[in-house]
Structures are given as C-alpha cells and as structure tokens.
Amino acid sequence: MEILGTTLRVCVDDLDTAVPFYEGLAGARALRFEQGGVQVAAVGCFLLMSGPESQLEVLRKVAATIAVEDVDEAHRVLTGLGAHIVAGPVPTPVGRNLIALHPDGTVYEYMDRRG
C-alpha cells in the first residue's frame, strides 16, 4: 500500500471565516461539500470542518486523513497488520474511505479518489 499524502483535520467554529485564511496559506482554492450535517472545505493539505458539536466531537477522534491509491488494498494491509476497521470502505463525495483503529489506539481515516 502506497501512502500518497496526509490531510490535517481542523475543526473550526465558522467555515466562512476560516476558509480565506487557509486558502491564502495553502495557495489553493477550497473544495466545499457537506457530509452528515458537517460543512467541509478541503484546502491544500487541510480539511476544515464545521458543524454541530456532537458531530465534531466524533470527528476530532480521527488523527488525520491518509490518501491511498486504493482503499480496498489499505483494508487488506491494515487488517493484516492488526488494525481494526471501525467503518468502511464506504463511498464519499470525493472517493471512498475507511476508518481504522491502529493497534496503538490511534484512529485514522484512509481515503482514495475512486468512485
């Protein structure tokens, strides 16, 4: 499994206020979407999230998003190494993802760009 990159997950109070700062910082335009009642903006290596505190509380438990070529391959590798798959693979607005609990207790999202 090749790791293509990582995305830092940032919970913000006001997405409209935060996006211009992160666009300037990353030198990129935000890709905005909504998922499960949470407003999301992907800006460079940052994933900004804003929404109900009950939703954000869950999202904060995921340390980072790791981009991979194929989530199915990530699933095989992760389980082979002893990780517990908490959710997925499931489709998202930009590909597919899964949530994995590593043996050390850290939770990561693995994401591909496949439809």
Protein backbone atom coordinates (compact mmCIF):
# COMPACT_ATOMS: atom_id res chain seq x y z
CA MET A 1 0.00 0.00 0.00
CA GLU A 2 1.44 3.34 -1.04
CA ILE A 3 0.61 6.39 1.09
CA LEU A 4 0.12 9.33 -1.29
CA GLY A 5 -0.17 12.06 1.35
CA THR A 6 -1.88 13.18 4.52
CA THR A 7 -4.51 15.76 5.33
CA LEU A 8 -4.67 17.64 8.60
CA ARG A 9 -8.16 17.75 10.09
CA VAL A 10 -9.15 21.10 11.60
CA CYS A 11 -12.47 21.78 13.37
CA VAL A 12 -13.46 25.45 13.13
CA ASP A 13 -16.33 27.49 14.53
CA ASP A 14 -17.04 29.40 11.31
CA LEU A 15 -16.07 27.87 7.98
CA ASP A 16 -16.71 31.09 6.04
CA THR A 17 -14.25 32.96 8.24
CA ALA A 18 -11.61 30.20 8.25
CA VAL A 19 -11.56 29.37 4.52
CA PRO A 20 -9.93 32.61 3.25
CA PHE A 21 -7.05 32.23 5.73
CA TYR A 22 -6.38 28.62 4.72
CA GLU A 23 -6.73 29.43 1.00
CA GLY A 24 -4.05 32.11 1.45
CA LEU A 25 -1.87 29.78 3.50
CA ALA A 26 -2.13 26.83 1.09
CA GLY A 27 -2.23 28.89 -2.10
CA ALA A 28 -5.24 26.86 -3.23
CA ARG A 29 -9.00 27.26 -3.60
CA ALA A 30 -11.30 25.42 -1.21
CA LEU A 31 -13.40 22.50 -2.39
CA ARG A 32 -16.56 22.65 -0.27
CA PHE A 33 -19.09 19.94 0.44
CA GLU A 34 -21.37 18.70 3.20
CA GLN A 35 -21.26 15.28 4.79
CA GLY A 36 -23.56 14.09 7.54
CA GLY A 37 -24.61 17.61 8.60
CA VAL A 38 -21.00 18.86 8.75
CA GLN A 39 -19.79 21.58 6.38
CA VAL A 40 -16.38 20.68 4.96
CA ALA A 41 -13.75 22.60 2.99
CA ALA A 42 -10.69 20.85 1.58
CA VAL A 43 -7.88 23.39 1.11
CA GLY A 44 -4.47 22.05 0.16
CA CYS A 45 -3.40 19.68 2.95
CA PHE A 46 -6.10 20.97 5.34
CA LEU A 47 -9.60 19.58 5.83
CA LEU A 48 -11.69 22.20 7.63
CA MET A 49 -14.88 21.03 9.32
CA SER A 50 -17.68 22.97 10.97
CA GLY A 51 -20.99 21.79 12.34
CA PRO A 52 -22.86 20.57 15.40
CA GLU A 53 -20.59 19.90 18.38
CA SER A 54 -21.95 16.35 18.68
CA GLN A 55 -20.66 15.60 15.17
CA LEU A 56 -17.34 17.42 15.64
CA GLU A 57 -16.68 15.51 18.86
CA VAL A 58 -16.61 12.29 16.84
CA LEU A 59 -14.54 13.81 14.01
CA ARG A 60 -11.89 15.06 16.45
CA LYS A 61 -11.09 11.46 17.38
CA VAL A 62 -9.59 10.87 13.92
CA ALA A 63 -5.94 11.98 13.98
CA ALA A 64 -5.53 12.56 10.22
CA THR A 65 -6.71 11.53 6.79
CA ILE A 66 -4.28 9.41 4.80
CA ALA A 67 -4.59 9.38 1.00
CA VAL A 68 -4.03 5.99 -0.63
CA GLU A 69 -4.36 4.70 -4.17
CA ASP A 70 -6.94 2.04 -3.24
CA VAL A 71 -8.95 1.76 -0.02
CA ASP A 72 -9.54 -1.95 -0.62
CA GLU A 73 -5.78 -2.55 -0.63
CA ALA A 74 -5.44 -0.38 2.50
CA HIS A 75 -8.12 -2.54 4.15
CA ARG A 76 -6.17 -5.72 3.39
CA VAL A 77 -2.85 -4.29 4.59
CA LEU A 78 -4.29 -2.73 7.74
CA THR A 79 -6.14 -5.86 8.86
CA GLY A 80 -3.08 -7.96 8.05
CA LEU A 81 -1.03 -5.75 10.38
CA GLY A 82 -3.58 -6.00 13.20
CA ALA A 83 -5.61 -2.80 12.76
CA HIS A 84 -9.35 -2.86 13.48
CA ILE A 85 -11.57 -1.42 10.74
CA VAL A 86 -14.14 0.75 12.51
CA ALA A 87 -16.12 1.75 9.39
CA GLY A 88 -15.99 1.28 5.65
CA PRO A 89 -14.97 1.14 2.98
CA VAL A 90 -17.84 3.45 2.04
CA PRO A 91 -18.39 5.97 -0.76
CA THR A 92 -17.90 9.70 -0.03
CA PRO A 93 -18.40 12.82 -2.19
CA VAL A 94 -14.76 12.58 -3.37
CA GLY A 95 -13.99 8.83 -3.39
CA ARG A 96 -14.11 6.07 -0.80
CA ASN A 97 -12.90 5.89 2.77
CA LEU A 98 -12.49 3.69 5.78
CA ILE A 99 -11.77 4.42 9.43
CA ALA A 100 -9.12 2.27 11.09
CA LEU A 101 -8.07 1.89 14.70
CA HIS A 102 -4.33 1.14 14.79
CA PRO A 103 -3.00 -1.27 17.44
CA ASP A 104 -1.54 1.74 19.35
CA GLY A 105 -5.04 3.22 19.76
CA THR A 106 -4.75 5.96 17.13
CA VAL A 107 -7.67 6.38 14.70
CA TYR A 108 -7.06 7.36 11.05
CA GLU A 109 -9.21 7.85 8.01
CA TYR A 110 -7.90 6.26 4.80
CA MET A 111 -9.25 7.81 1.57
CA ASP A 112 -8.95 7.13 -2.13
CA ARG A 113 -10.25 9.10 -5.11
CA ARG A 114 -12.02 6.17 -6.75
CA GLY A 115 -15.75 6.35 -7.39
